[in-house]
Amino acid sequence: MLNQLPLNNRDFLPEKKDRDFTGIIKLFAPYTLSLDILSDTKVNISKLENGEVKQLMNQFVSEGNQYEFVFENTINFEFWNAEHIQMKLNAIPMDNFLSKGDFAIRGSYEAEKSQLYLGFYDR
């Protein structure tokens, strides 16, 4: 059974990193990150606002829930398992970028640079 403790830096230790991905995805304002929760999992979402990180969510979430986050420049996300979520940026599915497999994901999207960053971590 999945523990319900929030995600933290111990879930994303450098020695657990399997690989990185960086790509350009051109989006236009307003910027949104949408999540469909496919299985019970853990999600951590924050955004950069006025030069400060603003925590939006860091919790255990249940299958079937949906979330949408609006951001202006940078949004950060962490997922306990890539197979537990379906993520969209501005309604564009990111399935091709979120490798299927038993990996935790730490990533961000920077609107100013149109840059998607993903780190894949062994759990």
Protein backbone atom coordinates (compact mmCIF):
# COMPACT_ATOMS: atom_id res chain seq x y z
CA MET A 1 0.00 0.00 0.00
CA LEU A 2 1.20 3.50 -0.85
CA ASN A 3 2.13 5.60 2.18
CA GLN A 4 0.28 8.90 2.30
CA LEU A 5 3.21 11.09 3.37
CA PRO A 6 3.87 14.10 1.09
CA LEU A 7 6.67 13.94 -1.46
CA ASN A 8 10.00 15.36 -0.33
CA ASN A 9 13.64 15.62 -1.44
CA ARG A 10 14.39 12.07 -0.24
CA ASP A 11 12.10 10.82 -3.03
CA PHE A 12 14.35 12.55 -5.59
CA LEU A 13 17.92 11.85 -4.46
CA PRO A 14 20.59 12.33 -7.17
CA GLU A 15 21.64 8.67 -6.95
CA LYS A 16 18.06 7.64 -7.80
CA LYS A 17 18.00 9.64 -11.04
CA ASP A 18 17.59 7.41 -14.09
CA ARG A 19 17.58 10.11 -16.81
CA ASP A 20 16.58 13.65 -17.80
CA PHE A 21 14.58 15.11 -20.65
CA THR A 22 14.50 18.72 -21.81
CA GLY A 23 12.38 19.89 -24.72
CA ILE A 24 10.77 22.97 -26.22
CA ILE A 25 6.97 23.14 -26.19
CA LYS A 26 5.57 26.43 -27.45
CA LEU A 27 2.50 27.47 -25.46
CA PHE A 28 0.62 30.74 -25.14
CA ALA A 29 -0.97 32.46 -22.12
CA PRO A 30 -3.04 31.71 -20.18
CA TYR A 31 -0.90 28.76 -19.02
CA THR A 32 -2.48 25.76 -17.32
CA LEU A 33 -1.32 22.42 -16.00
CA SER A 34 -4.11 19.83 -15.76
CA LEU A 35 -3.95 16.47 -14.01
CA ASP A 36 -6.20 13.44 -14.23
CA ILE A 37 -5.43 11.01 -11.40
CA LEU A 38 -5.53 7.45 -12.77
CA SER A 39 -4.50 5.68 -9.53
CA ASP A 40 -4.06 6.72 -5.91
CA THR A 41 -0.76 8.60 -5.82
CA LYS A 42 1.18 11.56 -4.45
CA VAL A 43 1.48 14.94 -6.20
CA ASN A 44 3.49 18.07 -5.41
CA ILE A 45 2.79 21.27 -7.39
CA SER A 46 4.29 24.73 -6.94
CA LYS A 47 4.72 27.80 -9.08
CA LEU A 48 7.09 30.72 -9.26
CA GLU A 49 5.19 33.92 -8.53
CA ASN A 50 6.89 37.32 -8.14
CA GLY A 51 10.24 35.59 -7.70
CA GLU A 52 8.98 33.33 -4.89
CA VAL A 53 7.92 29.69 -4.90
CA LYS A 54 4.25 29.32 -3.99
CA GLN A 55 3.15 25.85 -2.85
CA LEU A 56 -0.13 24.81 -4.52
CA MET A 57 -0.42 21.15 -3.47
CA ASN A 58 1.69 18.46 -1.84
CA GLN A 59 -0.51 15.56 -0.87
CA PHE A 60 -1.85 12.10 -1.43
CA VAL A 61 -4.59 12.20 -4.09
CA SER A 62 -7.22 9.63 -4.94
CA GLU A 63 -7.97 7.98 -8.26
CA GLY A 64 -10.58 9.83 -10.31
CA ASN A 65 -9.75 13.34 -9.11
CA GLN A 66 -8.93 16.12 -11.57
CA TYR A 67 -6.94 19.28 -10.91
CA GLU A 68 -6.08 22.40 -12.89
CA PHE A 69 -3.41 24.94 -11.99
CA VAL A 70 -3.01 28.33 -13.66
CA PHE A 71 0.47 29.85 -13.79
CA GLU A 72 2.16 32.85 -15.38
CA ASN A 73 5.77 31.75 -15.87
CA THR A 74 7.10 28.62 -14.16
CA ILE A 75 5.28 25.64 -12.70
CA ASN A 76 7.06 22.82 -10.84
CA PHE A 77 5.62 19.33 -10.43
CA GLU A 78 6.50 16.05 -8.78
CA PHE A 79 4.63 12.78 -9.25
CA TRP A 80 5.12 9.60 -7.25
CA ASN A 81 4.59 7.45 -10.35
CA ALA A 82 4.34 8.40 -14.04
CA GLU A 83 1.69 5.74 -14.59
CA HIS A 84 -0.62 7.20 -11.95
CA ILE A 85 -1.32 10.51 -13.67
CA GLN A 86 -2.20 12.03 -17.00
CA MET A 87 -0.78 15.53 -17.39
CA LYS A 88 -1.68 18.25 -19.87
CA LEU A 89 -0.15 21.67 -20.47
CA ASN A 90 -2.73 24.04 -21.99
CA ALA A 91 -4.93 21.01 -22.78
CA ILE A 92 -2.07 19.34 -24.73
CA PRO A 93 -1.42 15.78 -23.45
CA MET A 94 2.14 15.18 -22.24
CA ASP A 95 1.84 11.38 -22.46
CA ASN A 96 4.64 11.14 -25.03
CA PHE A 97 7.04 12.88 -22.65
CA LEU A 98 6.06 11.12 -19.42
CA SER A 99 7.72 7.78 -19.93
CA LYS A 100 5.61 4.88 -18.79
CA GLY A 101 7.27 2.84 -16.13
CA ASP A 102 7.71 2.77 -12.41
CA PHE A 103 9.44 6.16 -12.16
CA ALA A 104 8.88 9.13 -9.93
CA ILE A 105 8.96 12.39 -11.92
CA ARG A 106 10.28 15.82 -10.98
CA GLY A 107 9.79 18.47 -13.62
CA SER A 108 8.94 22.01 -14.55
CA TYR A 109 7.67 24.11 -17.41
CA GLU A 110 9.09 27.59 -17.98
CA ALA A 111 6.74 29.59 -20.21
CA GLU A 112 9.29 32.33 -20.92
CA LYS A 113 11.68 29.77 -22.45
CA SER A 114 8.94 27.37 -23.68
CA GLN A 115 11.00 24.70 -21.91
CA LEU A 116 9.76 21.44 -20.40
CA TYR A 117 12.18 19.71 -18.03
CA LEU A 118 11.63 16.19 -16.70
CA GLY A 119 13.76 14.08 -14.36
CA PHE A 120 12.96 10.39 -13.98
CA TYR A 121 13.81 8.74 -10.64
CA ASP A 122 13.82 5.13 -9.49
CA ARG A 123 11.44 4.62 -6.61
